[in-house]
């Protein structure tokens, strides 16, 4: 299984669907297994959960940084 590819797929699905994002915040394992379409072993699914959360956090930080760039230009 390509874990990085699955993480990217999940991040894409979760970020484009607000309802799925809300569900991910409450039940990340359930959402991941739903998007992937299979039941994963606990150790694998927790790595995927951590990867998705990290990628989403980095994406939000990048968006925030981009929005601040224009503030200091005159």
Protein backbone atom coordinates (compact mmCIF):
# COMPACT_ATOMS: atom_id res chain seq x y z
CA UNK A 1 0.00 0.00 0.00
CA UNK A 2 1.27 3.45 -0.92
CA UNK A 3 0.64 5.26 2.38
CA UNK A 4 1.77 8.65 1.08
CA UNK A 5 -0.57 8.33 -1.89
CA UNK A 6 -3.45 7.35 0.36
CA UNK A 7 -2.73 10.30 2.67
CA UNK A 8 -2.83 12.67 -0.31
CA UNK A 9 -6.11 11.11 -1.48
CA UNK A 10 -7.68 11.47 1.97
CA UNK A 11 -6.50 15.07 2.42
CA UNK A 12 -7.97 15.96 -0.97
CA UNK A 13 -11.32 14.34 -0.15
CA UNK A 14 -11.52 15.83 3.34
CA UNK A 15 -10.55 19.36 2.32
CA UNK A 16 -13.07 19.54 -0.54
CA UNK A 17 -15.98 18.18 1.53
CA UNK A 18 -16.88 20.17 4.69
CA UNK A 19 -19.14 17.39 6.01
CA UNK A 20 -16.35 14.85 5.65
CA UNK A 21 -13.95 17.30 7.35
CA UNK A 22 -16.33 17.60 10.30
CA UNK A 23 -16.63 13.83 10.52
CA UNK A 24 -12.83 13.46 10.26
CA UNK A 25 -12.41 15.78 13.24
CA UNK A 26 -14.67 13.49 15.29
CA UNK A 27 -13.90 10.04 13.86
CA UNK A 28 -10.72 10.08 11.77
CA UNK A 29 -10.34 6.30 11.57
CA UNK A 30 -13.86 5.83 10.24
CA UNK A 31 -13.37 8.53 7.57
CA UNK A 32 -10.01 7.13 6.47
CA UNK A 33 -11.38 3.63 6.10
CA UNK A 34 -14.41 5.00 4.25
CA UNK A 35 -12.30 6.99 1.76
CA UNK A 36 -9.80 4.17 1.22
CA UNK A 37 -12.53 1.57 1.08
CA UNK A 38 -10.92 -0.97 3.38
CA UNK A 39 -10.39 -1.83 7.03
CA UNK A 40 -6.78 -1.14 8.00
CA UNK A 41 -4.73 -2.57 10.87
CA UNK A 42 -4.61 -0.23 13.88
CA UNK A 43 -0.90 0.57 13.52
CA UNK A 44 -1.30 1.49 9.85
CA UNK A 45 -4.46 3.54 10.28
CA UNK A 46 -2.90 5.58 13.10
CA UNK A 47 0.08 6.43 10.87
CA UNK A 48 -2.34 7.55 8.18
CA UNK A 49 -4.35 9.63 10.68
CA UNK A 50 -1.16 11.35 11.84
CA UNK A 51 -0.05 11.94 8.25
CA UNK A 52 -3.40 13.42 7.21
CA UNK A 53 -3.51 15.71 10.25
CA UNK A 54 0.06 16.88 9.64
CA UNK A 55 -0.56 17.54 5.95
CA UNK A 56 -3.77 19.43 6.67
CA UNK A 57 -2.03 21.53 9.35
CA UNK A 58 0.82 22.36 6.95
CA UNK A 59 -1.69 23.31 4.27
CA UNK A 60 -3.50 25.66 6.63
CA UNK A 61 -0.21 27.23 7.73
CA UNK A 62 0.78 27.80 4.10
CA UNK A 63 -2.55 29.47 3.35
CA UNK A 64 -2.17 31.73 6.38
CA UNK A 65 1.36 32.69 5.35
CA UNK A 66 0.21 33.47 1.80
CA UNK A 67 -2.55 35.73 3.09
CA UNK A 68 -0.06 37.65 5.25
CA UNK A 69 2.42 38.28 2.41
CA UNK A 70 0.47 41.22 1.05
CA UNK A 71 0.24 43.05 4.37
CA UNK A 72 3.84 44.26 4.39
CA UNK A 73 4.04 45.37 0.76
CA UNK A 74 3.48 49.03 0.10
